[in-house]
Amino acid sequence: MTKSNAENEYIKRAYFQHLRGARGRSPDTIAMAAAAIHQFERSTGHRSFKKFHIEQASAFGRMLGDQRTARDGKPLSKATISQTLNAVRKFILWLAEQPGYRSRVRYSDADYFRLTEKDERAARASNDRRVPTPAQIEIVLERRPTVTVLDRRNRAMIAFTWLTGVRDGALVSLKLKHVDVAQQRVNQDPREVQTKNSKHIRTTFFPVGGAARDIVEKWILELRETHLWGADDPLFPATALEQGEDRQFRARGIARKHWTTADAARKIFKQSFEAIGLHGFNPHSFRHALAVLGEQRCKTPEEFKAWSQNLGHENVATTLSSYGTVPEHRQSEIIKALVVQEMVSDAANSLAARVAELVRKELVCRQAKAS
């Protein structure tokens, strides 16, 4: 079977360049699009995109529906299928504008890369997302060991993420100069910090309370005064390794360099929570926790807008729809509380009406006696 098509490879490179240069998409997003398009090509036997037919889209959808995951052999989730189809749909829409393809691919052809309305609703239905509570985060910060420099670094990473809500990519690429402790500010400069879509984000420390701010300040002080770190050195440096007598590598402290990926940070978070018997939360779950906290703390639309922007969201709807979902148990509590409030309100109104009626009758009696 043909494993590639030179003509397809050429136009795909042009598309990925478009995503990178014109749309500003991140390498991860482009990689996901490439994987989806490659799957579609495999389903057609790598036929030229110029020979596209809507039946290929239908067959691709059926293939995804029959596909099993390599990890556990279960069918692909509706969300995964929807994401894959959507990536190919965007490519087809772009392809319909390109010279040599306009007469062969129509905009309407992209519509065939969709799930049914029923399956799409299932794909968008979210399970009750597990989010750490402020109390759980504080317990982790309290119980984490602080004996070694690696212990203190790991603890400070958790505290900093809770204090700022930065994504894990930014967490491992920040430098000391990007944090202004006195002004309680973080400057996520996309020229040096890995931000989503290379967005410039200026974050003020969230008012989370507890020990987070003190832990972060002490860590920065240790880097500057004990380790003599400079402004361009990493805020959360990678682990330095050395080879022991058994020829096995082991940690010996912090290295004056950044991690290349956020994998180590995610592992540290997971292990920190699991060590005290909690669910192994990842750094991104802290953003959801902050969104929930913002819904509880903010009293005006302006306050919540500021809270949302502090998370790096340009639109409040992003915070509400993607991060601020109310957990099902809390949803039930709120609705039941509203019922109680309504009952109390009705009782208060009824009592007020009776009191008003008594006052009215008393006034009538006084007027009658006076006359």
Protein backbone atom coordinates (compact mmCIF):
# COMPACT_ATOMS: atom_id res chain seq x y z
CA MET A 1 0.00 0.00 0.00
CA THR A 2 1.18 3.51 -0.82
CA LYS A 3 2.56 5.20 2.30
CA SER A 4 2.68 8.75 0.97
CA ASN A 5 1.69 10.97 -1.92
CA ALA A 6 4.22 13.58 -3.01
CA GLU A 7 1.52 15.95 -4.25
CA ASN A 8 -0.35 15.65 -0.95
CA GLU A 9 2.82 16.20 1.05
CA TYR A 10 3.51 19.43 -0.82
CA ILE A 11 0.06 20.92 -0.18
CA LYS A 12 0.09 19.75 3.45
CA ARG A 13 3.36 21.59 4.06
CA ALA A 14 1.75 24.72 2.67
CA TYR A 15 -1.21 24.25 5.01
CA PHE A 16 0.97 23.76 8.08
CA GLN A 17 2.94 26.86 7.14
CA HIS A 18 -0.39 28.71 6.90
CA LEU A 19 -1.38 27.49 10.37
CA ARG A 20 1.96 28.57 11.81
CA GLY A 21 2.46 31.88 10.05
CA ALA A 22 -1.00 33.22 9.26
CA ARG A 23 -3.02 31.68 12.07
CA GLY A 24 -0.36 31.67 14.79
CA ARG A 25 -1.08 28.09 15.80
CA SER A 26 1.24 26.35 18.26
CA PRO A 27 3.42 23.35 17.30
CA ASP A 28 1.13 21.07 19.33
CA THR A 29 -1.95 22.26 17.45
CA ILE A 30 -0.20 21.77 14.10
CA ALA A 31 0.93 18.29 15.14
CA MET A 32 -2.66 17.36 16.01
CA ALA A 33 -3.86 18.62 12.61
CA ALA A 34 -1.11 16.68 10.85
CA ALA A 35 -2.05 13.46 12.66
CA ALA A 36 -5.74 13.87 11.75
CA ILE A 37 -5.01 14.56 8.08
CA HIS A 38 -2.63 11.59 7.97
CA GLN A 39 -5.38 9.34 9.31
CA PHE A 40 -7.69 10.59 6.60
CA GLU A 41 -5.04 9.90 3.94
CA ARG A 42 -4.59 6.36 5.22
CA SER A 43 -8.32 5.77 4.94
CA THR A 44 -8.20 6.73 1.23
CA GLY A 45 -5.03 4.83 0.43
CA HIS A 46 -3.20 8.15 0.11
CA ARG A 47 -5.14 9.16 -2.97
CA SER A 48 -4.56 12.68 -4.23
CA PHE A 49 -6.63 15.34 -2.50
CA LYS A 50 -7.59 16.46 -6.00
CA LYS A 51 -9.61 13.24 -6.30
CA PHE A 52 -11.59 13.97 -3.16
CA HIS A 53 -15.17 12.72 -3.03
CA ILE A 54 -17.71 13.12 -0.24
CA GLU A 55 -17.93 9.34 0.12
CA GLN A 56 -14.34 9.45 1.40
CA ALA A 57 -15.50 11.65 4.28
CA SER A 58 -18.32 9.24 5.14
CA ALA A 59 -15.96 6.26 4.99
CA PHE A 60 -13.46 8.11 7.20
CA GLY A 61 -16.14 8.76 9.81
CA ARG A 62 -17.11 5.07 9.82
CA MET A 63 -13.46 4.07 10.13
CA LEU A 64 -13.01 6.29 13.19
CA GLY A 65 -16.18 4.83 14.68
CA ASP A 66 -14.76 1.31 14.34
CA GLN A 67 -11.27 2.22 15.53
CA ARG A 68 -9.96 1.07 18.91
CA THR A 69 -7.43 2.71 21.19
CA ALA A 70 -4.02 1.08 21.44
CA ARG A 71 -3.97 1.49 25.22
CA ASP A 72 -7.05 -0.45 26.29
CA GLY A 73 -8.75 -1.58 23.09
CA LYS A 74 -11.82 0.55 23.72
CA PRO A 75 -13.62 2.47 20.94
CA LEU A 76 -12.50 6.05 20.37
CA SER A 77 -14.50 8.55 22.39
CA LYS A 78 -17.00 10.77 20.61
CA ALA A 79 -14.90 13.76 21.66
CA THR A 80 -11.78 12.31 19.99
CA ILE A 81 -13.66 11.50 16.79
CA SER A 82 -15.20 14.98 16.72
CA GLN A 83 -11.78 16.60 17.21
CA THR A 84 -10.25 14.53 14.40
CA LEU A 85 -13.09 15.25 11.97
CA ASN A 86 -12.98 18.94 12.81
CA ALA A 87 -9.24 19.11 12.07
CA VAL A 88 -9.75 17.54 8.64
CA ARG A 89 -12.80 19.73 7.97
CA LYS A 90 -10.71 22.88 8.51
CA PHE A 91 -8.10 21.53 6.09
CA ILE A 92 -10.72 20.85 3.42
CA LEU A 93 -12.10 24.38 3.83
CA TRP A 94 -8.60 25.78 3.29
CA LEU A 95 -7.96 23.39 0.39
CA ALA A 96 -11.07 24.65 -1.43
CA GLU A 97 -9.38 28.05 -1.74
CA GLN A 98 -6.08 26.83 -3.21
CA PRO A 99 -5.14 26.98 -6.90
CA GLY A 100 -5.49 23.58 -8.54
CA TYR A 101 -8.05 22.43 -5.97
CA ARG A 102 -10.84 25.00 -6.31
CA SER A 103 -12.52 23.14 -9.15
CA ARG A 104 -12.21 19.79 -7.38
CA VAL A 105 -13.00 20.60 -3.73
CA ARG A 106 -16.00 22.67 -2.67
CA TYR A 107 -16.60 24.45 0.63
CA SER A 108 -19.73 22.36 1.18
CA ASP A 109 -17.63 19.17 1.01
CA ALA A 110 -16.19 20.04 4.40
CA ASP A 111 -19.63 19.65 5.99
CA TYR A 112 -19.39 15.89 5.58
CA PHE A 113 -16.63 15.77 8.17
CA ARG A 114 -19.06 15.95 11.07
CA LEU A 115 -20.71 13.67 13.58
CA THR A 116 -24.47 13.40 13.71
CA GLU A 117 -26.16 15.99 15.94
CA LYS A 118 -26.78 13.30 18.55
CA ASP A 119 -23.16 12.14 18.58
CA GLU A 120 -21.91 15.74 18.60
CA ARG A 121 -23.97 16.43 21.73
CA ALA A 122 -22.44 13.33 23.29
CA ALA A 123 -18.97 14.52 22.32
CA ARG A 124 -19.53 17.88 23.99
CA ALA A 125 -21.09 16.43 27.11
CA SER A 126 -18.51 16.75 29.87
CA ASN A 127 -18.09 14.52 32.86
CA ASP A 128 -17.90 16.11 36.29
CA ARG A 129 -14.34 17.44 36.12
CA ARG A 130 -12.16 16.76 39.15
CA VAL A 131 -10.80 20.02 40.49
CA PRO A 132 -8.65 20.45 43.61
CA THR A 133 -10.17 22.53 46.39
CA PRO A 134 -8.24 25.35 48.06
CA ALA A 135 -8.12 23.23 51.24
CA GLN A 136 -6.56 20.29 49.38
CA ILE A 137 -3.93 22.51 47.78
CA GLU A 138 -3.07 24.02 51.15
CA ILE A 139 -2.69 20.56 52.68
CA VAL A 140 -0.26 19.55 49.92
CA LEU A 141 1.77 22.73 50.48
CA GLU A 142 1.78 22.07 54.22
CA ARG A 143 2.82 18.43 54.02
CA ARG A 144 5.35 18.53 51.20
CA PRO A 145 8.89 17.92 52.47
CA THR A 146 11.34 20.83 52.37
CA VAL A 147 14.60 19.11 53.31
CA THR A 148 16.40 19.32 49.94
CA VAL A 149 16.52 22.03 47.31
CA LEU A 150 14.49 19.78 45.01
CA ASP A 151 11.83 19.44 47.70
CA ARG A 152 11.63 23.22 48.03
CA ARG A 153 11.57 23.71 44.26
CA ASN A 154 8.71 21.24 43.85
CA ARG A 155 6.73 22.84 46.67
CA ALA A 156 7.29 26.31 45.21
CA MET A 157 6.08 25.14 41.78
CA ILE A 158 2.76 24.07 43.25
CA ALA A 159 2.44 27.28 45.26
CA PHE A 160 3.31 29.45 42.24
CA THR A 161 0.77 27.72 40.00
CA TRP A 162 -1.93 28.21 42.63
CA LEU A 163 -0.93 31.85 43.03
CA THR A 164 -0.82 32.68 39.31
CA GLY A 165 -2.68 30.03 37.29
CA VAL A 166 0.10 29.84 34.68
CA ARG A 167 0.02 26.94 32.25
CA ASP A 168 2.64 24.22 32.68
CA GLY A 169 4.50 25.30 29.53
CA ALA A 170 4.96 28.77 30.99
CA LEU A 171 5.78 27.34 34.40
CA VAL A 172 8.89 25.55 33.16
CA SER A 173 10.07 28.37 30.86
CA LEU A 174 9.73 31.39 33.18
CA LYS A 175 12.88 33.22 34.26
CA LEU A 176 13.46 35.07 37.51
CA LYS A 177 13.17 38.41 35.72
CA HIS A 178 9.60 37.63 34.73
CA VAL A 179 8.38 37.73 38.35
CA ASP A 180 8.07 40.99 40.29
CA VAL A 181 7.42 39.97 43.89
CA ALA A 182 7.04 43.54 45.14
CA GLN A 183 4.33 44.30 42.56
CA GLN A 184 2.91 40.75 42.76
CA ARG A 185 3.13 40.47 38.97
CA VAL A 186 4.20 37.90 36.39
CA ASN A 187 5.15 39.01 32.90
CA GLN A 188 4.60 36.06 30.56
CA ASP A 189 6.58 37.41 27.61
CA PRO A 190 5.99 35.08 24.62
CA ARG A 191 9.46 35.85 23.27
CA GLU A 192 10.90 33.83 26.15
CA VAL A 193 7.95 32.13 27.85
CA GLN A 194 5.90 29.31 26.35
CA THR A 195 2.41 30.83 26.38
CA LYS A 196 -0.63 29.51 24.56
CA ASN A 197 -0.77 30.87 20.99
CA SER A 198 2.28 33.04 21.85
CA LYS A 199 0.02 35.45 23.72
CA HIS A 200 1.56 38.12 25.97
CA ILE A 201 -0.03 37.63 29.40
CA ARG A 202 0.46 39.87 32.43
CA THR A 203 -0.75 38.19 35.59
CA THR A 204 -1.24 39.58 39.09
CA PHE A 205 -1.05 37.16 42.02
CA PHE A 206 -4.52 35.80 42.76
CA PRO A 207 -5.81 36.42 46.31
CA VAL A 208 -5.81 32.74 47.23
CA GLY A 209 -4.62 33.26 50.79
CA GLY A 210 -2.79 30.57 52.71
CA ALA A 211 0.93 29.91 52.43
CA ALA A 212 1.39 30.13 48.64
CA ARG A 213 2.78 33.65 48.39
CA ASP A 214 5.20 33.20 51.30
CA ILE A 215 6.51 29.95 49.80
CA VAL A 216 7.12 31.59 46.41
CA GLU A 217 8.88 34.60 47.95
CA LYS A 218 11.18 32.38 50.01
CA TRP A 219 12.02 30.25 46.96
CA ILE A 220 12.96 33.29 44.86
CA LEU A 221 15.05 34.64 47.74
CA GLU A 222 16.84 31.28 48.00
CA LEU A 223 17.62 31.26 44.29
CA ARG A 224 19.02 34.79 44.39
CA GLU A 225 20.95 34.73 47.66
CA THR A 226 21.90 31.09 48.24
CA HIS A 227 22.37 29.85 44.67
CA LEU A 228 23.31 33.29 43.28
CA TRP A 229 20.77 32.98 40.45
CA GLY A 230 20.53 35.91 38.04
CA ALA A 231 17.61 37.53 36.22
CA ASP A 232 17.95 35.28 33.16
CA ASP A 233 18.14 32.05 35.13
CA PRO A 234 15.11 29.74 35.31
CA LEU A 235 12.51 30.27 38.02
CA PHE A 236 12.02 26.51 38.31
CA PRO A 237 15.23 24.88 37.06
CA ALA A 238 15.60 21.35 35.81
CA THR A 239 17.03 18.61 37.99
CA ALA A 240 20.79 18.13 37.85
CA LEU A 241 21.85 14.50 37.43
CA GLU A 242 25.04 12.65 38.30
CA GLN A 243 26.21 9.09 37.78
CA GLY A 244 26.63 7.04 40.91
CA GLU A 245 29.01 4.20 41.67
CA ASP A 246 26.41 1.78 40.34
CA ARG A 247 26.54 3.69 37.02
CA GLN A 248 22.92 4.74 37.51
CA PHE A 249 21.96 8.39 37.21
CA ARG A 250 20.52 10.11 40.26
CA ALA A 251 19.40 13.60 41.21
CA ARG A 252 22.01 15.81 42.87
CA GLY A 253 20.27 19.21 42.94
CA ILE A 254 19.13 21.89 40.51
CA ALA A 255 20.71 22.65 37.14
CA ARG A 256 21.12 26.14 35.75
CA LYS A 257 18.80 25.39 32.83
CA HIS A 258 15.13 25.00 31.96
CA TRP A 259 13.30 21.72 31.47
CA THR A 260 12.75 20.99 27.79
CA THR A 261 9.14 19.87 28.41
CA ALA A 262 6.54 20.13 31.17
CA ASP A 263 6.39 16.35 31.68
CA ALA A 264 8.47 16.47 34.87
CA ALA A 265 6.29 19.22 36.34
CA ARG A 266 3.11 17.22 35.69
CA LYS A 267 4.68 14.20 37.39
CA ILE A 268 5.65 16.29 40.44
CA PHE A 269 2.09 17.59 40.83
CA LYS A 270 0.56 14.14 40.42
CA GLN A 271 2.89 12.51 42.94
CA SER A 272 2.47 15.36 45.45
CA PHE A 273 -1.28 14.85 45.65
CA GLU A 274 -1.17 11.07 45.52
CA ALA A 275 1.39 11.04 48.36
CA ILE A 276 -1.32 12.17 50.78
CA GLY A 277 -4.08 9.99 49.36
CA LEU A 278 -5.68 12.51 46.98
CA HIS A 279 -6.42 12.35 43.27
CA GLY A 280 -3.30 13.04 41.21
CA PHE A 281 -4.16 16.52 39.96
CA ASN A 282 -2.12 18.12 37.17
CA PRO A 283 -1.04 21.78 36.86
CA HIS A 284 -3.90 22.66 34.48
CA SER A 285 -6.49 21.61 37.07
CA PHE A 286 -5.36 24.61 39.14
CA ARG A 287 -6.71 26.91 36.43
CA HIS A 288 -10.09 25.28 36.81
CA ALA A 289 -9.83 25.67 40.60
CA LEU A 290 -9.07 29.37 40.19
CA ALA A 291 -12.04 29.81 37.83
CA VAL A 292 -14.33 28.27 40.45
CA LEU A 293 -12.78 30.48 43.14
CA GLY A 294 -13.36 33.53 40.94
CA GLU A 295 -17.05 32.72 40.58
CA GLN A 296 -17.32 32.60 44.35
CA ARG A 297 -15.23 35.70 45.11
CA CYS A 298 -16.22 38.16 42.35
CA LYS A 299 -19.31 40.24 43.10
CA THR A 300 -19.57 42.33 39.91
CA PRO A 301 -19.14 41.62 36.16
CA GLU A 302 -16.13 43.93 36.12
CA GLU A 303 -14.43 41.94 38.89
CA PHE A 304 -14.98 38.63 37.09
CA LYS A 305 -13.77 40.14 33.81
CA ALA A 306 -10.52 41.13 35.53
CA TRP A 307 -10.24 37.65 37.07
CA SER A 308 -10.78 36.09 33.65
CA GLN A 309 -8.14 38.32 31.99
CA ASN A 310 -5.74 37.41 34.78
CA LEU A 311 -6.06 33.79 33.64
CA GLY A 312 -5.10 34.93 30.14
CA HIS A 313 -8.62 34.77 28.69
CA GLU A 314 -9.68 37.58 26.37
CA ASN A 315 -13.32 36.54 26.60
CA VAL A 316 -15.17 35.92 29.87
CA ALA A 317 -17.18 33.23 28.07
CA THR A 318 -14.01 31.12 27.83
CA THR A 319 -13.65 31.13 31.60
CA LEU A 320 -17.31 30.36 32.15
CA SER A 321 -17.74 27.68 29.48
CA SER A 322 -14.39 25.90 29.60
CA TYR A 323 -13.21 26.47 33.17
CA GLY A 324 -16.14 27.58 35.28
CA THR A 325 -18.48 24.61 35.02
CA VAL A 326 -20.27 24.04 38.33
CA PRO A 327 -19.72 20.47 39.59
CA GLU A 328 -22.90 18.37 39.65
CA HIS A 329 -22.97 18.01 43.45
CA ARG A 330 -22.53 21.77 43.85
CA GLN A 331 -25.18 22.41 41.19
CA SER A 332 -27.64 20.38 43.25
CA GLU A 333 -26.71 22.25 46.45
CA ILE A 334 -27.23 25.64 44.79
CA ILE A 335 -30.64 24.73 43.34
CA LYS A 336 -31.82 23.32 46.67
CA ALA A 337 -30.59 26.44 48.44
CA LEU A 338 -32.57 28.59 45.99
CA VAL A 339 -35.70 26.58 46.80
CA VAL A 340 -35.15 27.22 50.50
CA GLN A 341 -34.55 30.91 49.82
CA GLU A 342 -37.81 31.05 47.86
CA MET A 343 -39.70 29.37 50.70
CA VAL A 344 -38.19 31.79 53.21
CA SER A 345 -39.00 34.70 50.92
CA ASP A 346 -42.61 33.55 50.53
CA ALA A 347 -42.96 33.13 54.30
CA ALA A 348 -41.47 36.59 54.88
CA ASN A 349 -43.83 38.14 52.34
CA SER A 350 -46.79 36.38 53.92
CA LEU A 351 -45.77 37.58 57.38
CA ALA A 352 -45.28 41.12 56.08
CA ALA A 353 -48.73 41.05 54.50
CA ARG A 354 -50.33 39.93 57.75
CA VAL A 355 -48.49 42.61 59.72
CA ALA A 356 -49.58 45.23 57.19
CA GLU A 357 -53.18 44.07 57.48
CA LEU A 358 -53.05 44.28 61.28
CA VAL A 359 -51.58 47.77 61.11
CA ARG A 360 -54.27 48.81 58.63
CA LYS A 361 -57.04 47.51 60.89
CA GLU A 362 -55.52 49.23 63.90
CA LEU A 363 -55.45 52.54 62.03
CA VAL A 364 -59.06 52.10 60.94
CA CYS A 365 -60.11 51.44 64.56
CA ARG A 366 -58.24 54.51 65.81
CA GLN A 367 -59.82 56.69 63.15
CA ALA A 368 -63.28 55.35 64.05
CA LYS A 369 -62.77 56.11 67.75
CA ALA A 370 -61.44 59.55 66.98
CA SER A 371 -64.52 60.40 64.92
